[in-house]
């Protein structure tokens, strides 16, 4: 049975904190709300929330559990309250073995619940407010086969309009260089119960993403985008995986990433293990630009977030973003080279300068809202209007020394100019 439980969670509804709203700076991402996710159903304090589902005006967070329940935390954006969805699955006989309850991807709305585990996918129909019905299950990999661990589908998107699932994966981890295979984007048709089309777009210097460029692929309602990382190039596909356009440009701040070390590593090693890549190709404090995240803003608009090229800006977590629109005639660049700078230590905290880190906490867009998942102390500590950020950071560090990190859901208003 489904239960909706209302609790008094730690939610900062920023607009209610002021008798008069402070004047906003010229910012595209203005803080709206911070929610400290309760640990009521989080048994593993090290669990890192890295995905969410936004539908019907609600932000859903999947919470893994070892019992026979399916649990989601959700925040209602318009009504500004939080609750849980708890479904009893004791009636369900698992159609395949699930070794870990952690989801790769998921989707929740008023009609469906979709879950993508390492081993396979489950699709439930919400018959009523109190009932789930399993309508589809597909085993994707056999967990007993060690080799499949490196060839699994890493991310997916459920499209309820077409009743298709779009998968993305890479074969590259622990594969000898001479056997290098390309990134895969594939369509699974639920009604036909089969994969209907697969493409292998070439990914240049994928090692710089540690073989996991999942934030460089996004599936929207009408289009799919696939971005390179060491060069500014984004391919746009229709929902049948036909390539339509390519977005290419050289931003004013762009400096090409030095890839010569990668060439040398490929010559030195037959197999590039993750430990070698992480150790040898860390470019965080080195000059050079890279695209790190692409995201659909709406059906026809996507954002591109890329690193600063200047070393000092990189260390200071400065990033840049562009905004593109797709039409039947091609692409239009609406915004370009927009700098996103975190506040300095002596700046006083307010909604217009609250730090937004799209490269570390990739954002999810929903109309004029942007949702970002982070970890930290608590909403009450991290947002203290009028207090210097150096004091806030000191308080946060003191809290973290004595307590576990809290998952935080941060909502920003997206101020399109």
Protein backbone atom coordinates (compact mmCIF):
# COMPACT_ATOMS: atom_id res chain seq x y z
CA UNK A 1 0.00 0.00 0.00
CA UNK A 2 1.21 3.49 -0.79
CA UNK A 3 1.48 5.93 2.07
CA UNK A 4 1.96 9.68 1.94
CA UNK A 5 3.63 10.88 5.11
CA UNK A 6 3.98 14.56 5.92
CA UNK A 7 6.83 15.67 8.16
CA UNK A 8 8.32 18.99 9.19
CA UNK A 9 11.53 18.74 7.19
CA UNK A 10 14.37 21.24 7.16
CA UNK A 11 13.27 23.34 4.24
CA UNK A 12 14.43 26.87 3.65
CA UNK A 13 11.82 28.65 1.60
CA UNK A 14 14.05 31.55 0.82
CA UNK A 15 11.33 34.01 -0.19
CA UNK A 16 9.83 33.72 3.28
CA UNK A 17 13.00 34.65 5.11
CA UNK A 18 12.82 38.32 4.33
CA UNK A 19 10.35 41.04 5.08
CA UNK A 20 11.50 42.62 1.84
CA UNK A 21 13.37 40.74 -0.86
CA UNK A 22 16.98 41.90 -1.28
CA UNK A 23 17.95 43.34 -4.61
CA UNK A 24 19.18 40.59 -6.90
CA UNK A 25 22.46 40.85 -8.71
CA UNK A 26 22.75 40.17 -12.42
CA UNK A 27 22.58 36.39 -12.03
CA UNK A 28 21.09 33.61 -14.14
CA UNK A 29 20.82 31.21 -11.20
CA UNK A 30 19.19 32.71 -8.10
CA UNK A 31 18.68 30.58 -5.03
CA UNK A 32 15.07 29.68 -4.29
CA UNK A 33 15.03 26.82 -1.78
CA UNK A 34 17.36 24.40 0.01
CA UNK A 35 16.07 21.12 1.40
CA UNK A 36 18.13 19.01 3.78
CA UNK A 37 17.15 15.46 2.94
CA UNK A 38 16.22 13.59 6.14
CA UNK A 39 18.17 10.43 6.89
CA UNK A 40 15.01 8.62 8.05
CA UNK A 41 15.21 5.99 5.30
CA UNK A 42 18.89 6.32 4.33
CA UNK A 43 20.63 3.40 6.01
CA UNK A 44 23.96 3.92 4.24
CA UNK A 45 25.47 7.27 5.25
CA UNK A 46 27.89 7.00 2.31
CA UNK A 47 25.08 6.72 -0.25
CA UNK A 48 25.56 9.43 -2.86
CA UNK A 49 22.41 10.66 -4.55
CA UNK A 50 23.28 11.42 -8.17
CA UNK A 51 19.97 11.34 -10.00
CA UNK A 52 16.42 12.57 -9.63
CA UNK A 53 13.14 12.73 -11.49
CA UNK A 54 11.11 15.92 -11.94
CA UNK A 55 7.52 15.52 -13.09
CA UNK A 56 4.12 16.95 -12.22
CA UNK A 57 5.79 19.80 -10.36
CA UNK A 58 7.57 17.45 -7.94
CA UNK A 59 11.23 16.58 -7.42
CA UNK A 60 11.59 12.86 -6.65
CA UNK A 61 14.61 11.25 -4.99
CA UNK A 62 14.92 7.46 -4.95
CA UNK A 63 16.01 6.00 -1.60
CA UNK A 64 17.48 2.48 -1.74
CA UNK A 65 16.21 0.07 0.87
CA UNK A 66 16.90 -3.57 1.69
CA UNK A 67 13.32 -4.35 2.70
CA UNK A 68 10.20 -4.92 0.60
CA UNK A 69 9.39 -1.23 0.21
CA UNK A 70 9.91 1.19 -2.64
CA UNK A 71 10.60 4.63 -1.18
CA UNK A 72 10.84 8.07 -2.74
CA UNK A 73 11.37 11.41 -1.07
CA UNK A 74 9.68 14.22 -2.94
CA UNK A 75 9.41 17.99 -2.82
CA UNK A 76 6.39 19.77 -4.27
CA UNK A 77 7.80 22.89 -5.96
CA UNK A 78 4.57 24.90 -6.09
CA UNK A 79 3.12 23.95 -2.70
CA UNK A 80 6.56 24.01 -1.05
CA UNK A 81 6.31 20.94 1.11
CA UNK A 82 8.05 17.57 1.31
CA UNK A 83 6.85 14.06 1.89
CA UNK A 84 7.53 10.41 1.10
CA UNK A 85 6.02 7.92 -1.29
CA UNK A 86 6.25 4.46 0.22
CA UNK A 87 5.07 1.48 -1.81
CA UNK A 88 4.80 -2.00 -0.35
CA UNK A 89 6.38 -4.52 -2.74
CA UNK A 90 6.11 -7.60 -0.56
CA UNK A 91 3.76 -9.08 -3.18
CA UNK A 92 6.40 -8.87 -5.92
CA UNK A 93 8.47 -11.87 -6.94
CA UNK A 94 11.63 -10.34 -8.44
CA UNK A 95 11.81 -11.22 -12.15
CA UNK A 96 15.60 -11.28 -11.93
CA UNK A 97 18.27 -11.12 -9.24
CA UNK A 98 19.00 -7.63 -7.92
CA UNK A 99 22.26 -7.61 -6.01
CA UNK A 100 22.07 -3.97 -4.91
CA UNK A 101 19.01 -1.76 -4.41
CA UNK A 102 20.84 1.26 -5.82
CA UNK A 103 19.31 2.60 -9.03
CA UNK A 104 21.27 3.63 -12.11
CA UNK A 105 18.33 5.79 -13.29
CA UNK A 106 14.65 6.18 -12.46
CA UNK A 107 11.45 7.96 -13.47
CA UNK A 108 8.36 8.80 -11.42
CA UNK A 109 5.16 10.58 -12.33
CA UNK A 110 1.45 10.14 -11.65
CA UNK A 111 1.19 7.27 -14.16
CA UNK A 112 4.43 5.26 -14.03
CA UNK A 113 7.39 4.27 -11.89
CA UNK A 114 10.49 3.18 -13.82
CA UNK A 115 13.58 1.71 -12.14
CA UNK A 116 16.90 0.92 -13.79
CA UNK A 117 19.18 -1.29 -11.71
CA UNK A 118 22.56 -2.65 -12.69
CA UNK A 119 20.97 -5.99 -13.60
CA UNK A 120 17.90 -4.74 -15.46
CA UNK A 121 14.83 -2.52 -15.58
CA UNK A 122 11.37 -2.60 -14.00
CA UNK A 123 8.35 -0.59 -15.12
CA UNK A 124 5.30 -0.22 -12.90
CA UNK A 125 1.95 1.32 -13.72
CA UNK A 126 0.26 3.32 -11.00
CA UNK A 127 -3.23 1.81 -11.14
CA UNK A 128 -4.45 4.11 -8.38
CA UNK A 129 -2.98 6.11 -5.55
CA UNK A 130 -2.62 2.91 -3.59
CA UNK A 131 -1.61 0.35 -6.20
CA UNK A 132 1.39 -0.47 -8.36
CA UNK A 133 1.32 -3.08 -11.11
CA UNK A 134 4.47 -4.48 -12.69
CA UNK A 135 3.90 -4.22 -16.45
CA UNK A 136 7.41 -4.80 -17.79
CA UNK A 137 10.74 -6.26 -16.67
CA UNK A 138 13.94 -6.84 -18.61
CA UNK A 139 17.18 -8.39 -17.40
CA UNK A 140 20.11 -6.62 -19.04
CA UNK A 141 23.19 -8.27 -17.54
CA UNK A 142 23.95 -11.38 -15.54
CA UNK A 143 25.63 -10.30 -12.29
CA UNK A 144 27.41 -13.66 -12.05
CA UNK A 145 29.27 -12.89 -15.28
CA UNK A 146 32.23 -10.73 -14.27
CA UNK A 147 32.71 -9.40 -17.79
CA UNK A 148 29.27 -7.79 -17.88
CA UNK A 149 30.28 -5.51 -15.02
CA UNK A 150 32.28 -3.45 -17.48
CA UNK A 151 29.72 -3.56 -20.27
CA UNK A 152 26.55 -2.65 -18.41
CA UNK A 153 24.06 0.03 -19.38
CA UNK A 154 25.10 2.91 -17.16
CA UNK A 155 22.25 5.37 -17.64
CA UNK A 156 18.78 5.36 -19.15
CA UNK A 157 15.80 7.56 -19.91
CA UNK A 158 12.22 6.28 -19.98
CA UNK A 159 10.04 7.96 -22.63
CA UNK A 160 6.42 7.34 -21.70
CA UNK A 161 5.09 8.93 -24.91
CA UNK A 162 6.79 6.44 -27.22
CA UNK A 163 7.10 3.67 -24.60
CA UNK A 164 10.80 3.44 -25.31
CA UNK A 165 13.88 3.32 -23.12
CA UNK A 166 17.05 5.11 -24.23
CA UNK A 167 20.24 3.59 -22.87
CA UNK A 168 23.80 4.92 -22.79
CA UNK A 169 26.88 2.89 -22.01
CA UNK A 170 30.61 2.55 -22.63
CA UNK A 171 32.68 -0.55 -23.23
CA UNK A 172 35.98 1.16 -22.58
CA UNK A 173 36.86 0.37 -18.97
CA UNK A 174 39.61 -2.28 -18.76
CA UNK A 175 39.44 -2.89 -22.50
CA UNK A 176 42.80 -3.01 -24.32
CA UNK A 177 43.41 0.05 -26.46
CA UNK A 178 43.47 -2.00 -29.68
CA UNK A 179 39.99 -3.31 -28.86
CA UNK A 180 38.64 0.15 -28.08
CA UNK A 181 34.91 0.42 -28.75
CA UNK A 182 32.85 3.56 -29.00
CA UNK A 183 30.18 4.95 -26.77
CA UNK A 184 26.77 3.38 -27.35
CA UNK A 185 23.33 5.00 -27.40
CA UNK A 186 20.53 2.55 -28.02
CA UNK A 187 16.74 2.40 -28.14
CA UNK A 188 14.72 -0.36 -26.52
CA UNK A 189 11.08 -0.58 -27.60
CA UNK A 190 8.97 -1.86 -24.71
CA UNK A 191 5.99 -2.84 -26.86
CA UNK A 192 8.21 -4.87 -29.19
CA UNK A 193 10.42 -6.08 -26.30
CA UNK A 194 13.61 -5.60 -28.26
CA UNK A 195 16.40 -3.18 -29.07
CA UNK A 196 15.42 -1.40 -32.27
CA UNK A 197 18.39 0.85 -33.02
CA UNK A 198 21.92 1.48 -31.80
CA UNK A 199 24.51 4.11 -32.71
CA UNK A 200 28.15 4.37 -31.68
CA UNK A 201 29.11 8.03 -31.84
CA UNK A 202 32.86 8.49 -31.61
CA UNK A 203 34.06 10.03 -28.36
CA UNK A 204 37.44 11.74 -28.63
CA UNK A 205 39.74 11.34 -25.63
CA UNK A 206 37.11 9.63 -23.51
CA UNK A 207 39.80 8.85 -20.93
CA UNK A 208 39.53 12.43 -19.66
CA UNK A 209 36.03 11.57 -18.40
CA UNK A 210 37.40 8.47 -16.62
CA UNK A 211 35.48 6.43 -19.21
CA UNK A 212 32.16 7.75 -17.94
CA UNK A 213 30.89 10.69 -19.99
CA UNK A 214 27.30 10.27 -18.85
CA UNK A 215 26.77 13.97 -18.15
CA UNK A 216 27.68 14.64 -21.79
CA UNK A 217 24.60 12.79 -23.07
CA UNK A 218 21.03 13.92 -22.50
CA UNK A 219 17.71 12.71 -23.85
CA UNK A 220 14.90 15.25 -24.06
CA UNK A 221 11.29 15.06 -25.18
CA UNK A 222 12.15 15.74 -28.83
CA UNK A 223 15.91 15.50 -29.26
CA UNK A 224 19.10 13.89 -27.97
CA UNK A 225 22.41 15.68 -27.44
CA UNK A 226 25.86 14.10 -27.32
CA UNK A 227 28.88 16.30 -26.51
CA UNK A 228 32.60 15.87 -26.77
CA UNK A 229 34.76 16.98 -23.84
CA UNK A 230 38.17 18.20 -25.11
CA UNK A 231 36.58 20.05 -28.03
CA UNK A 232 33.46 22.16 -28.29
CA UNK A 233 31.29 19.90 -30.40
CA UNK A 234 27.73 18.75 -29.65
CA UNK A 235 25.82 16.40 -31.93
CA UNK A 236 22.03 16.68 -32.04
CA UNK A 237 19.89 13.65 -32.91
CA UNK A 238 16.17 13.12 -33.30
CA UNK A 239 14.44 10.52 -31.12
CA UNK A 240 15.09 7.86 -33.77
CA UNK A 241 18.86 8.46 -33.45
CA UNK A 242 19.21 10.22 -36.78
CA UNK A 243 21.88 12.93 -36.63
CA UNK A 244 20.44 16.35 -37.42
CA UNK A 245 22.97 19.06 -36.54
CA UNK A 246 26.36 19.66 -34.95
CA UNK A 247 27.00 22.65 -32.67
CA UNK A 248 30.60 23.85 -32.90
CA UNK A 249 32.26 27.02 -31.72
CA UNK A 250 35.36 28.41 -30.06
CA UNK A 251 34.34 30.33 -26.91
CA UNK A 252 36.30 33.48 -26.11
CA UNK A 253 37.80 31.87 -23.03
CA UNK A 254 38.48 28.48 -24.61
CA UNK A 255 42.02 27.07 -24.54
CA UNK A 256 42.47 23.55 -25.99
CA UNK A 257 43.27 20.85 -23.44
CA UNK A 258 46.72 19.33 -23.83
CA UNK A 259 46.10 15.71 -24.88
CA UNK A 260 49.74 14.79 -25.51
CA UNK A 261 50.00 12.97 -22.17
CA UNK A 262 47.10 10.74 -23.17
CA UNK A 263 48.84 9.83 -26.41
CA UNK A 264 51.91 8.84 -24.40
CA UNK A 265 49.82 6.76 -21.97
CA UNK A 266 48.18 4.89 -24.82
CA UNK A 267 51.63 3.98 -26.11
CA UNK A 268 52.85 2.94 -22.67
CA UNK A 269 49.93 0.76 -21.55
CA UNK A 270 48.02 -1.97 -23.35
CA UNK A 271 45.18 -1.45 -20.88
CA UNK A 272 44.41 1.90 -19.30
CA UNK A 273 43.10 1.11 -15.84
CA UNK A 274 40.97 3.66 -14.02
CA UNK A 275 43.68 4.21 -11.40
CA UNK A 276 46.16 5.18 -14.12
CA UNK A 277 43.69 7.55 -15.77
CA UNK A 278 42.75 9.28 -12.52
CA UNK A 279 46.39 9.65 -11.51
CA UNK A 280 47.83 10.73 -14.84
CA UNK A 281 45.05 12.76 -16.46
CA UNK A 282 43.85 14.95 -13.62
CA UNK A 283 43.51 18.35 -15.31
CA UNK A 284 41.72 20.18 -12.49
CA UNK A 285 44.63 22.57 -11.84
CA UNK A 286 46.00 22.66 -15.40
CA UNK A 287 45.14 25.13 -18.18
CA UNK A 288 42.71 23.99 -20.83
CA UNK A 289 38.97 23.92 -21.41
CA UNK A 290 36.58 20.98 -21.38
CA UNK A 291 32.83 20.54 -21.72
CA UNK A 292 31.62 18.75 -18.59
CA UNK A 293 27.79 18.84 -18.69
CA UNK A 294 25.00 19.19 -21.28
CA UNK A 295 21.37 19.44 -20.21
CA UNK A 296 18.04 20.08 -21.87
CA UNK A 297 16.38 23.20 -20.50
CA UNK A 298 13.12 22.53 -22.35
CA UNK A 299 12.00 20.59 -25.43
CA UNK A 300 14.13 22.60 -27.85
CA UNK A 301 16.76 24.34 -25.71
CA UNK A 302 19.91 22.88 -24.18
CA UNK A 303 22.65 24.27 -21.94
CA UNK A 304 26.37 23.56 -22.28
CA UNK A 305 28.54 23.92 -19.17
CA UNK A 306 32.31 24.01 -19.59
CA UNK A 307 35.38 24.61 -17.47
CA UNK A 308 37.37 27.78 -17.24
CA UNK A 309 40.66 27.54 -19.10
CA UNK A 310 42.61 29.72 -16.70
CA UNK A 311 44.21 27.71 -13.89
CA UNK A 312 43.33 30.21 -11.16
CA UNK A 313 39.71 30.29 -12.27
CA UNK A 314 39.60 26.49 -12.38
CA UNK A 315 40.86 26.19 -8.82
CA UNK A 316 38.26 28.79 -7.80
CA UNK A 317 35.51 26.63 -9.38
CA UNK A 318 34.61 29.18 -12.04
CA UNK A 319 32.64 27.74 -14.96
CA UNK A 320 30.92 29.01 -18.12
CA UNK A 321 27.74 28.14 -19.96
CA UNK A 322 26.06 28.61 -23.35
CA UNK A 323 22.43 28.22 -24.31
CA UNK A 324 21.37 26.77 -27.68
CA UNK A 325 17.97 26.41 -29.36
CA UNK A 326 17.12 23.69 -31.89
CA UNK A 327 14.72 24.40 -34.75
CA UNK A 328 13.83 22.63 -37.98
CA UNK A 329 16.24 24.96 -39.78
CA UNK A 330 19.23 24.45 -37.51
CA UNK A 331 20.75 25.77 -34.30
CA UNK A 332 20.74 29.19 -32.70
CA UNK A 333 23.17 30.32 -30.01
CA UNK A 334 21.08 32.38 -27.57
CA UNK A 335 23.59 32.90 -24.77
CA UNK A 336 27.34 32.47 -24.88
CA UNK A 337 30.35 32.61 -22.58
CA UNK A 338 28.28 33.32 -19.46
CA UNK A 339 30.59 33.21 -16.47
CA UNK A 340 29.45 31.50 -13.26
CA UNK A 341 31.63 32.57 -10.34
CA UNK A 342 31.26 31.45 -6.74
CA UNK A 343 31.23 34.23 -4.14
CA UNK A 344 34.42 35.39 -2.49
CA UNK A 345 35.08 34.60 1.19
CA UNK A 346 34.37 38.18 2.31
CA UNK A 347 31.09 38.50 0.39
CA UNK A 348 27.90 38.40 2.40
CA UNK A 349 25.48 35.60 1.66
CA UNK A 350 22.26 36.30 -0.20
CA UNK A 351 20.06 34.59 -2.78
CA UNK A 352 21.76 36.21 -5.77
CA UNK A 353 25.30 35.05 -4.98
CA UNK A 354 24.67 31.67 -3.37
CA UNK A 355 27.19 29.33 -5.05
CA UNK A 356 26.00 27.33 -8.05
CA UNK A 357 28.39 24.55 -9.10
CA UNK A 358 27.09 22.98 -12.34
CA UNK A 359 30.29 21.03 -13.03
CA UNK A 360 30.30 19.27 -9.66
CA UNK A 361 26.56 19.08 -9.07
CA UNK A 362 25.07 18.76 -12.58
CA UNK A 363 21.75 20.62 -12.72
CA UNK A 364 18.33 19.40 -13.80
CA UNK A 365 15.98 21.92 -15.45
CA UNK A 366 12.23 22.11 -14.99
CA UNK A 367 10.65 25.17 -16.61
CA UNK A 368 12.22 28.12 -14.77
CA UNK A 369 13.52 25.95 -11.92
CA UNK A 370 16.95 24.36 -11.73
CA UNK A 371 17.54 21.55 -9.26
CA UNK A 372 20.98 20.59 -8.02
CA UNK A 373 21.92 17.76 -5.66
CA UNK A 374 24.80 18.45 -3.30
CA UNK A 375 26.20 17.30 0.05
CA UNK A 376 27.06 19.53 2.97
CA UNK A 377 26.25 20.48 6.52
CA UNK A 378 22.63 21.66 6.54
CA UNK A 379 20.39 24.19 4.83
CA UNK A 380 20.29 26.35 7.96
CA UNK A 381 24.08 26.61 8.11
CA UNK A 382 24.82 26.93 4.41
CA UNK A 383 22.37 29.75 3.78
CA UNK A 384 22.64 32.56 6.34
CA UNK A 385 21.75 35.87 4.66
CA UNK A 386 24.03 38.73 5.58
CA UNK A 387 26.82 36.55 6.99
CA UNK A 388 30.21 36.39 5.26
CA UNK A 389 30.79 33.18 3.32
CA UNK A 390 34.09 32.58 5.12
CA UNK A 391 32.17 32.36 8.39
CA UNK A 392 29.57 30.06 6.83
CA UNK A 393 32.28 27.77 5.49
CA UNK A 394 33.93 27.68 8.91
CA UNK A 395 30.63 26.66 10.54
CA UNK A 396 30.04 24.05 7.83
CA UNK A 397 33.48 22.53 8.32
CA UNK A 398 32.98 22.37 12.08
CA UNK A 399 29.63 20.65 11.57
CA UNK A 400 31.07 18.11 9.11
CA UNK A 401 33.90 17.17 11.50
CA UNK A 402 31.32 16.06 14.08
CA UNK A 403 28.50 14.85 11.83
CA UNK A 404 27.84 12.98 8.60
CA UNK A 405 27.38 14.89 5.37
CA UNK A 406 23.76 15.62 4.51
CA UNK A 407 22.26 15.28 1.04
CA UNK A 408 20.92 18.66 -0.06
CA UNK A 409 18.39 19.48 -2.75
CA UNK A 410 19.04 23.01 -4.00
CA UNK A 411 16.50 24.81 -6.16
CA UNK A 412 17.51 27.87 -8.16
CA UNK A 413 15.40 30.20 -10.27
CA UNK A 414 16.70 30.24 -13.83
CA UNK A 415 16.63 33.89 -14.92
CA UNK A 416 16.80 33.73 -18.70
CA UNK A 417 17.70 37.09 -20.17
